[in-house]
Amino acid sequence: MSSTPKAAASPAKASFVIKAALLVLLVVQNSLLNLCARWSRVLAAPPPGNSVPAQDGYAKATLVVVVELVKIVAAFGLLAYDRNLGVAEAWEHLRETTVSKPMEAIMLLVPGSLYVVQNNLVLVAAENLEGPVMAVLGQVKIITTAIFSVVLLRRSLHSRQWFGLVTLVVGVSVVQLSATTGGSAGDGGKRNLLLGVSASVFAATMSGFAGVFFEKVLKGSETSVWVRNVHLACFGVVVGLFGLFGQAGELQLVQRNGFLGGYNSVVWALVAVQAIGGLLVAAVVKYTDSILKAFATSVALVSVSVTSIAFFNFPLSTGFALGAALVVYATFCYGDLLPPKLLPPCLLPTVADACPSPAKISEVFNGSSEKVKAEAHREEAQPFLGDVAAEGGNLA
């Protein structure tokens, strides 16, 4: 039985067509994620006076379970593809890996549980916030992921990254303030700013912790990321079902309409878009670089706003536009993707930064530079695992 992973493609060898296709797919996925989440809740839980009866809506807890089931199938398929295995061989590989390293699998119960709670919170946010506001607040996970990376992984952030985080906080705050000046939601759905923002922030906090915890579990492990994603999704299904039975209102909705009751084309689109999110991030990191991911996130934010203005009567205010622009700027700044002319003077590299220190010169002459380079390369590669887990595990 052959289980040799396929060689990773070099970003430099990826064709323009592949990069363009990934950019388009990532923008569409990020845009549809917020729009479908919001519109599915508008249809499922309309305010008084709406012609659609609320009892015909879907139960939020069932959506989370269905998404995790789809992820199990997708991750298992990618495991088989990545290692050139048939279905039976891939199943045996999954079983052997699980049995030989049970504690690694059990540890994923923590992020798996957090993702379930977080995904339910995101749907609560979608029920109470319009798509563009959700898209901006979703970037709070950059802040929480960075903080937990520093605390749990002892990762250090340089001055540009801290500046980017502070700018992101300011941008999100400006968007929140602009949202308080509006009236009812233009798309006809509910609008509860306090509940929606609280749910978004708590969801981002759980996303950050779960993603970093997942990265910590994978760090130093030779187990395939797809095997771990199968484990993660399996725990998500179990915890999601427990959550369903623990919510009286959701359980009554399921008993009345069935497990898939209220699932329309918008809901199924949300399931599909959410399930492929982590896979797209993996492909982006494999074939391109972080610039494309940051650019796609920014374009998606603009796309959600334009679509909501055109079709869902979202009122564009100066405050929202300013806050969204700050969030886009902060995203590129945190990723260290901005040219020097767009950075404050205090963040520009100095002559001292450009010159090697005496310690570094000594390091080179002592022959230890290769070890340092290898360690730096390993540290730079690790965030990819957390990114795949975070993007694949949440709805925003």
Protein backbone atom coordinates (compact mmCIF):
# COMPACT_ATOMS: atom_id res chain seq x y z
CA MET A 1 0.00 0.00 0.00
CA SER A 2 1.53 3.26 -1.12
CA SER A 3 0.96 6.27 1.09
CA THR A 4 3.60 8.65 -0.17
CA PRO A 5 2.28 12.25 -0.20
CA LYS A 6 2.42 14.11 -3.45
CA ALA A 7 5.19 16.65 -3.76
CA ALA A 8 4.07 20.17 -2.95
CA ALA A 9 3.94 22.49 -5.91
CA SER A 10 6.22 25.51 -5.76
CA PRO A 11 4.41 28.87 -5.66
CA ALA A 12 6.77 30.11 -8.38
CA LYS A 13 5.63 27.33 -10.71
CA ALA A 14 1.94 28.00 -10.34
CA SER A 15 0.57 29.34 -13.58
CA PHE A 16 -1.22 32.64 -13.94
CA VAL A 17 -4.44 30.75 -14.69
CA ILE A 18 -4.28 28.85 -11.38
CA LYS A 19 -3.56 32.03 -9.41
CA ALA A 20 -6.37 33.93 -11.12
CA ALA A 21 -8.80 31.06 -10.58
CA LEU A 22 -7.89 30.82 -6.89
CA LEU A 23 -8.26 34.58 -6.46
CA VAL A 24 -11.72 34.55 -8.04
CA LEU A 25 -12.82 31.50 -6.03
CA LEU A 26 -11.55 32.94 -2.74
CA VAL A 27 -13.27 36.29 -3.35
CA VAL A 28 -16.53 34.55 -4.27
CA GLN A 29 -16.28 32.22 -1.26
CA ASN A 30 -15.58 35.04 1.21
CA SER A 31 -18.36 37.17 -0.25
CA LEU A 32 -21.00 34.44 -0.39
CA LEU A 33 -20.16 33.34 3.14
CA ASN A 34 -21.40 36.61 4.67
CA LEU A 35 -24.23 37.18 2.22
CA CYS A 36 -25.63 33.64 2.46
CA ALA A 37 -25.31 33.55 6.24
CA ARG A 38 -27.24 36.80 6.58
CA TRP A 39 -29.87 36.05 3.96
CA SER A 40 -30.49 32.54 5.27
CA ARG A 41 -31.29 33.99 8.69
CA VAL A 42 -33.48 36.72 7.20
CA LEU A 43 -35.58 34.00 5.57
CA ALA A 44 -35.44 31.69 8.59
CA ALA A 45 -36.26 34.18 11.33
CA PRO A 46 -38.05 37.18 9.78
CA PRO A 47 -39.28 40.06 11.91
CA PRO A 48 -43.01 40.58 12.63
CA GLY A 49 -44.95 41.57 9.54
CA ASN A 50 -42.81 39.55 7.13
CA SER A 51 -44.79 37.23 4.88
CA VAL A 52 -42.47 34.25 5.51
CA PRO A 53 -43.48 32.31 8.65
CA ALA A 54 -40.63 31.83 11.11
CA GLN A 55 -41.51 28.18 11.81
CA ASP A 56 -40.49 27.32 8.24
CA GLY A 57 -36.89 28.32 8.97
CA TYR A 58 -33.99 25.94 9.60
CA ALA A 59 -32.44 25.16 12.97
CA LYS A 60 -29.00 26.76 13.34
CA ALA A 61 -27.61 23.75 15.22
CA THR A 62 -28.40 21.39 12.34
CA LEU A 63 -26.52 23.58 9.86
CA VAL A 64 -23.35 23.31 11.93
CA VAL A 65 -23.66 19.50 12.02
CA VAL A 66 -24.32 19.25 8.27
CA VAL A 67 -21.28 21.42 7.49
CA GLU A 68 -19.07 19.18 9.65
CA LEU A 69 -20.39 16.07 7.88
CA VAL A 70 -19.52 17.59 4.50
CA LYS A 71 -16.05 18.45 5.81
CA ILE A 72 -15.47 14.82 6.84
CA VAL A 73 -16.21 13.66 3.31
CA ALA A 74 -14.11 16.42 1.73
CA ALA A 75 -11.10 15.94 4.05
CA PHE A 76 -11.21 12.15 3.58
CA GLY A 77 -11.31 12.58 -0.19
CA LEU A 78 -8.32 14.94 -0.08
CA LEU A 79 -6.44 12.50 2.15
CA ALA A 80 -6.94 9.76 -0.45
CA TYR A 81 -5.95 12.10 -3.28
CA ASP A 82 -2.92 13.51 -1.47
CA ARG A 83 -1.49 10.04 -0.75
CA ASN A 84 -2.61 8.27 -3.93
CA LEU A 85 -4.84 5.85 -2.03
CA GLY A 86 -8.08 4.10 -2.82
CA VAL A 87 -11.08 4.46 -0.50
CA ALA A 88 -10.32 1.25 1.41
CA GLU A 89 -6.63 2.10 1.71
CA ALA A 90 -7.37 5.64 2.85
CA TRP A 91 -9.77 4.29 5.48
CA GLU A 92 -7.12 1.88 6.74
CA HIS A 93 -4.54 4.68 6.87
CA LEU A 94 -6.98 6.85 8.83
CA ARG A 95 -7.75 3.99 11.25
CA GLU A 96 -4.08 3.13 11.81
CA THR A 97 -3.16 6.77 12.42
CA THR A 98 -6.00 7.23 14.88
CA VAL A 99 -5.21 4.05 16.82
CA SER A 100 -1.45 4.66 16.92
CA LYS A 101 -1.76 8.27 18.14
CA PRO A 102 -5.02 8.42 20.12
CA MET A 103 -4.01 11.32 22.38
CA GLU A 104 -3.33 13.62 19.42
CA ALA A 105 -6.82 12.88 18.14
CA ILE A 106 -8.46 13.34 21.56
CA MET A 107 -6.79 16.74 21.99
CA LEU A 108 -8.76 17.95 18.98
CA LEU A 109 -11.92 17.72 21.09
CA VAL A 110 -11.02 21.19 22.42
CA PRO A 111 -10.92 23.08 19.09
CA GLY A 112 -13.71 20.89 17.71
CA SER A 113 -16.02 21.94 20.55
CA LEU A 114 -15.01 25.58 20.27
CA TYR A 115 -15.70 25.63 16.53
CA VAL A 116 -19.22 24.29 17.10
CA VAL A 117 -20.03 27.01 19.64
CA GLN A 118 -18.36 29.62 17.44
CA ASN A 119 -20.30 28.62 14.33
CA ASN A 120 -23.57 28.89 16.23
CA LEU A 121 -22.54 32.34 17.44
CA VAL A 122 -21.75 33.42 13.88
CA LEU A 123 -25.29 32.48 12.85
CA VAL A 124 -26.60 34.52 15.78
CA ALA A 125 -24.51 37.44 14.49
CA ALA A 126 -25.86 36.87 10.96
CA GLU A 127 -29.38 37.07 12.34
CA ASN A 128 -28.72 40.48 13.88
CA LEU A 129 -26.16 42.19 11.61
CA GLU A 130 -26.11 43.04 7.93
CA GLY A 131 -23.58 41.40 5.62
CA PRO A 132 -21.02 44.25 5.30
CA VAL A 133 -20.89 44.82 9.06
CA MET A 134 -20.40 41.08 9.56
CA ALA A 135 -17.59 41.04 7.00
CA VAL A 136 -15.70 43.79 8.83
CA LEU A 137 -16.25 42.31 12.29
CA GLY A 138 -15.07 38.95 10.99
CA GLN A 139 -11.56 40.39 10.68
CA VAL A 140 -11.38 40.59 14.49
CA LYS A 141 -10.14 37.00 14.32
CA ILE A 142 -6.81 38.41 13.09
CA ILE A 143 -6.45 40.15 16.45
CA THR A 144 -7.46 37.16 18.56
CA THR A 145 -5.29 34.75 16.56
CA ALA A 146 -2.29 37.05 16.95
CA ILE A 147 -2.81 37.38 20.71
CA PHE A 148 -3.18 33.63 21.26
CA SER A 149 -0.15 32.98 19.02
CA VAL A 150 1.94 35.19 21.30
CA VAL A 151 0.57 33.59 24.48
CA LEU A 152 0.41 29.91 23.48
CA LEU A 153 3.10 29.60 20.82
CA ARG A 154 5.49 32.24 22.22
CA ARG A 155 5.52 33.86 18.79
CA SER A 156 6.82 37.43 18.62
CA LEU A 157 5.24 40.21 16.57
CA HIS A 158 7.24 43.06 15.10
CA SER A 159 6.24 46.72 15.24
CA ARG A 160 4.40 46.72 11.89
CA GLN A 161 2.19 43.84 12.98
CA TRP A 162 1.31 45.56 16.26
CA PHE A 163 0.54 48.74 14.33
CA GLY A 164 -1.67 46.71 12.01
CA LEU A 165 -3.56 45.21 14.96
CA VAL A 166 -4.13 48.63 16.53
CA THR A 167 -5.33 50.01 13.18
CA LEU A 168 -7.66 47.03 12.83
CA VAL A 169 -9.19 47.75 16.25
CA VAL A 170 -9.73 51.37 15.25
CA GLY A 171 -11.31 50.38 11.93
CA VAL A 172 -13.69 47.87 13.52
CA SER A 173 -14.63 50.43 16.20
CA VAL A 174 -15.43 53.04 13.54
CA VAL A 175 -17.68 50.54 11.73
CA GLN A 176 -19.48 49.73 14.98
CA LEU A 177 -20.04 53.42 15.71
CA SER A 178 -21.36 54.01 12.21
CA ALA A 179 -23.77 51.09 12.63
CA THR A 180 -25.30 52.64 15.76
CA THR A 181 -26.50 55.66 13.77
CA GLY A 182 -28.61 53.57 11.36
CA GLY A 183 -32.24 52.58 11.75
CA SER A 184 -33.75 49.25 10.79
CA ALA A 185 -31.93 46.81 8.54
CA GLY A 186 -32.33 47.56 4.85
CA ASP A 187 -32.67 43.88 3.92
CA GLY A 188 -35.80 43.42 6.05
CA GLY A 189 -34.10 41.27 8.67
CA LYS A 190 -33.51 41.79 12.35
CA ARG A 191 -31.00 44.36 13.58
CA ASN A 192 -29.70 44.06 17.13
CA LEU A 193 -26.27 45.69 17.20
CA LEU A 194 -25.36 44.74 20.78
CA LEU A 195 -26.25 41.07 20.35
CA GLY A 196 -24.73 40.84 16.88
CA VAL A 197 -21.42 42.51 17.77
CA SER A 198 -21.12 40.50 21.00
CA ALA A 199 -21.69 37.25 19.10
CA SER A 200 -19.12 38.25 16.46
CA VAL A 201 -16.44 39.15 19.02
CA PHE A 202 -16.97 35.96 21.02
CA ALA A 203 -16.92 33.94 17.80
CA ALA A 204 -13.65 35.59 16.73
CA THR A 205 -12.13 34.87 20.15
CA MET A 206 -13.03 31.19 19.91
CA SER A 207 -11.81 31.05 16.32
CA GLY A 208 -8.44 32.51 17.32
CA PHE A 209 -7.94 30.18 20.27
CA ALA A 210 -9.13 27.08 18.41
CA GLY A 211 -6.95 27.82 15.38
CA VAL A 212 -3.82 28.36 17.47
CA PHE A 213 -4.57 25.30 19.62
CA PHE A 214 -4.98 23.21 16.47
CA GLU A 215 -1.67 24.53 15.19
CA LYS A 216 -0.03 23.62 18.50
CA VAL A 217 -1.34 20.06 18.20
CA LEU A 218 -0.06 19.76 14.63
CA LYS A 219 3.29 21.34 15.39
CA GLY A 220 5.98 18.69 15.35
CA SER A 221 3.51 15.98 14.29
CA GLU A 222 3.98 14.08 11.05
CA THR A 223 0.27 13.27 10.80
CA SER A 224 -1.42 14.59 7.67
CA VAL A 225 -3.40 17.79 8.09
CA TRP A 226 -6.29 16.07 6.29
CA VAL A 227 -6.35 13.26 8.88
CA ARG A 228 -6.54 15.86 11.62
CA ASN A 229 -9.31 17.68 9.78
CA VAL A 230 -11.31 14.45 9.68
CA HIS A 231 -10.82 14.07 13.44
CA LEU A 232 -11.73 17.72 14.00
CA ALA A 233 -14.94 17.43 11.98
CA CYS A 234 -15.92 14.15 13.70
CA PHE A 235 -15.71 15.83 17.10
CA GLY A 236 -17.67 18.73 15.62
CA VAL A 237 -20.52 16.42 14.62
CA VAL A 238 -20.70 14.82 18.07
CA VAL A 239 -20.54 18.11 19.98
CA GLY A 240 -22.98 19.71 17.52
CA LEU A 241 -25.56 16.97 18.12
CA PHE A 242 -25.18 17.37 21.89
CA GLY A 243 -25.69 21.10 21.41
CA LEU A 244 -28.82 20.48 19.37
CA PHE A 245 -30.39 18.34 22.09
CA GLY A 246 -29.38 20.92 24.68
CA GLN A 247 -31.33 23.74 23.02
CA ALA A 248 -35.05 23.35 23.55
CA GLY A 249 -36.07 25.81 20.84
CA GLU A 250 -33.81 24.23 18.21
CA LEU A 251 -34.91 20.72 19.15
CA GLN A 252 -38.59 21.66 18.88
CA LEU A 253 -37.95 23.13 15.44
CA VAL A 254 -36.32 19.88 14.33
CA GLN A 255 -39.12 17.76 15.80
CA ARG A 256 -41.71 19.86 13.98
CA ASN A 257 -40.03 20.25 10.58
CA GLY A 258 -37.39 17.48 10.47
CA PHE A 259 -33.60 17.65 10.69
CA LEU A 260 -33.30 19.31 7.30
CA GLY A 261 -36.53 21.26 7.61
CA GLY A 262 -36.32 24.78 6.19
CA TYR A 263 -33.26 24.01 4.05
CA ASN A 264 -33.64 26.02 0.86
CA SER A 265 -31.18 26.89 -1.89
CA VAL A 266 -29.61 29.69 0.19
CA VAL A 267 -28.96 27.36 3.13
CA TRP A 268 -27.43 24.66 0.94
CA ALA A 269 -25.27 27.31 -0.71
CA LEU A 270 -24.07 28.34 2.75
CA VAL A 271 -23.22 24.71 3.57
CA ALA A 272 -21.21 24.34 0.35
CA VAL A 273 -19.42 27.68 0.70
CA GLN A 274 -18.48 27.01 4.31
CA ALA A 275 -17.29 23.46 3.66
CA ILE A 276 -14.86 24.48 0.90
CA GLY A 277 -13.45 27.47 2.77
CA GLY A 278 -10.57 25.66 4.46
CA LEU A 279 -9.74 23.75 1.30
CA LEU A 280 -9.42 26.98 -0.67
CA VAL A 281 -7.10 28.48 1.92
CA ALA A 282 -4.92 25.36 1.73
CA ALA A 283 -4.78 25.68 -2.06
CA VAL A 284 -3.94 29.40 -1.87
CA VAL A 285 -1.06 28.80 0.54
CA LYS A 286 0.19 25.86 -1.56
CA TYR A 287 0.09 27.52 -4.97
CA THR A 288 0.44 31.25 -4.28
CA ASP A 289 1.28 33.43 -1.27
CA SER A 290 -0.19 35.53 1.54
CA ILE A 291 -0.55 38.56 -0.73
CA LEU A 292 -3.32 36.89 -2.71
CA LYS A 293 -5.15 35.82 0.47
CA ALA A 294 -5.04 39.36 1.90
CA PHE A 295 -6.07 40.85 -1.43
CA ALA A 296 -8.98 38.40 -1.74
CA THR A 297 -10.17 39.24 1.77
CA SER A 298 -10.14 42.95 0.96
CA VAL A 299 -11.88 42.53 -2.41
CA ALA A 300 -14.51 40.33 -0.75
CA LEU A 301 -15.21 43.01 1.84
CA VAL A 302 -15.79 45.54 -0.93
CA SER A 303 -17.84 43.00 -2.89
CA VAL A 304 -20.12 42.28 0.06
CA SER A 305 -20.65 46.00 0.63
CA VAL A 306 -21.42 46.76 -3.04
CA THR A 307 -23.77 43.79 -3.34
CA SER A 308 -25.59 44.73 -0.14
CA ILE A 309 -25.97 48.35 -1.29
CA ALA A 310 -27.28 47.30 -4.70
CA PHE A 311 -29.61 44.46 -3.72
CA PHE A 312 -30.24 44.61 0.03
CA ASN A 313 -30.64 48.36 0.61
CA PHE A 314 -27.60 48.63 2.86
CA PRO A 315 -27.07 52.30 3.76
CA LEU A 316 -23.44 53.23 3.03
CA SER A 317 -22.21 55.85 5.47
CA THR A 318 -18.95 57.77 5.62
CA GLY A 319 -18.13 56.07 8.91
CA PHE A 320 -18.54 52.58 7.46
CA ALA A 321 -16.44 53.43 4.39
CA LEU A 322 -13.66 54.88 6.56
CA GLY A 323 -13.73 51.92 8.96
CA ALA A 324 -13.71 49.37 6.13
CA ALA A 325 -10.76 51.16 4.48
CA LEU A 326 -8.84 51.03 7.78
CA VAL A 327 -9.56 47.30 8.10
CA VAL A 328 -8.24 46.65 4.57
CA TYR A 329 -5.12 48.74 5.32
CA ALA A 330 -4.59 46.93 8.63
CA THR A 331 -4.89 43.52 6.94
CA PHE A 332 -2.07 44.34 4.51
CA CYS A 333 -0.01 46.03 7.23
CA TYR A 334 -0.26 43.01 9.56
CA GLY A 335 0.80 40.74 6.71
CA ASP A 336 3.80 43.02 6.08
CA LEU A 337 2.58 43.54 2.51
CA LEU A 338 2.60 47.35 2.32
CA PRO A 339 5.27 49.34 0.45
CA PRO A 340 7.36 51.63 2.69
CA LYS A 341 5.69 54.78 1.33
CA LEU A 342 2.37 53.68 2.86
CA LEU A 343 3.84 53.16 6.33
CA PRO A 344 4.30 55.75 9.09
CA PRO A 345 7.91 57.02 9.30
CA CYS A 346 8.40 55.39 12.71
CA LEU A 347 7.86 51.95 11.14
CA LEU A 348 10.32 52.35 8.27
CA PRO A 349 13.44 50.16 8.48
CA THR A 350 16.54 51.95 9.69
CA VAL A 351 20.14 51.58 8.57
CA ALA A 352 20.79 49.54 11.71
CA ASP A 353 18.02 47.13 10.76
CA ALA A 354 19.52 46.63 7.32
CA CYS A 355 23.04 45.90 8.64
CA PRO A 356 23.84 42.54 10.23
CA SER A 357 24.53 42.64 13.95
CA PRO A 358 27.84 41.44 15.40
CA ALA A 359 26.04 38.40 16.77
CA LYS A 360 24.70 37.54 13.32
CA ILE A 361 28.16 37.97 11.76
CA SER A 362 29.61 35.67 14.41
CA GLU A 363 26.82 33.21 13.74
CA VAL A 364 27.69 33.06 10.05
CA PHE A 365 31.42 32.53 10.72
CA ASN A 366 30.60 29.81 13.24
CA GLY A 367 28.61 27.94 10.59
CA SER A 368 25.26 28.06 12.44
CA SER A 369 23.40 30.24 9.96
CA GLU A 370 21.87 27.25 8.15
CA LYS A 371 20.33 26.04 11.38
CA VAL A 372 18.89 29.49 12.02
CA LYS A 373 17.48 29.65 8.49
CA ALA A 374 15.92 26.21 8.82
CA GLU A 375 14.31 27.16 12.12
CA ALA A 376 12.98 30.43 10.68
CA HIS A 377 11.56 28.59 7.67
CA ARG A 378 9.81 26.12 9.96
CA GLU A 379 8.30 28.90 12.06
CA GLU A 380 7.09 30.76 8.95
CA ALA A 381 5.43 27.62 7.61
CA GLN A 382 3.50 26.85 10.79
CA PRO A 383 0.84 29.62 10.55
CA PHE A 384 -0.44 27.86 7.41
CA LEU A 385 -1.78 25.05 9.60
CA GLY A 386 -3.61 27.48 11.86
CA ASP A 387 -4.98 29.36 8.85
CA VAL A 388 -6.40 26.16 7.33
CA ALA A 389 -7.96 25.19 10.65
CA ALA A 390 -9.43 28.63 11.32
CA GLU A 391 -10.81 29.15 7.82
CA GLY A 392 -12.10 25.61 7.56
CA GLY A 393 -13.65 25.64 11.00
CA ASN A 394 -15.76 28.77 11.11
CA LEU A 395 -18.44 30.59 9.21
CA ALA A 396 -16.83 33.99 9.09
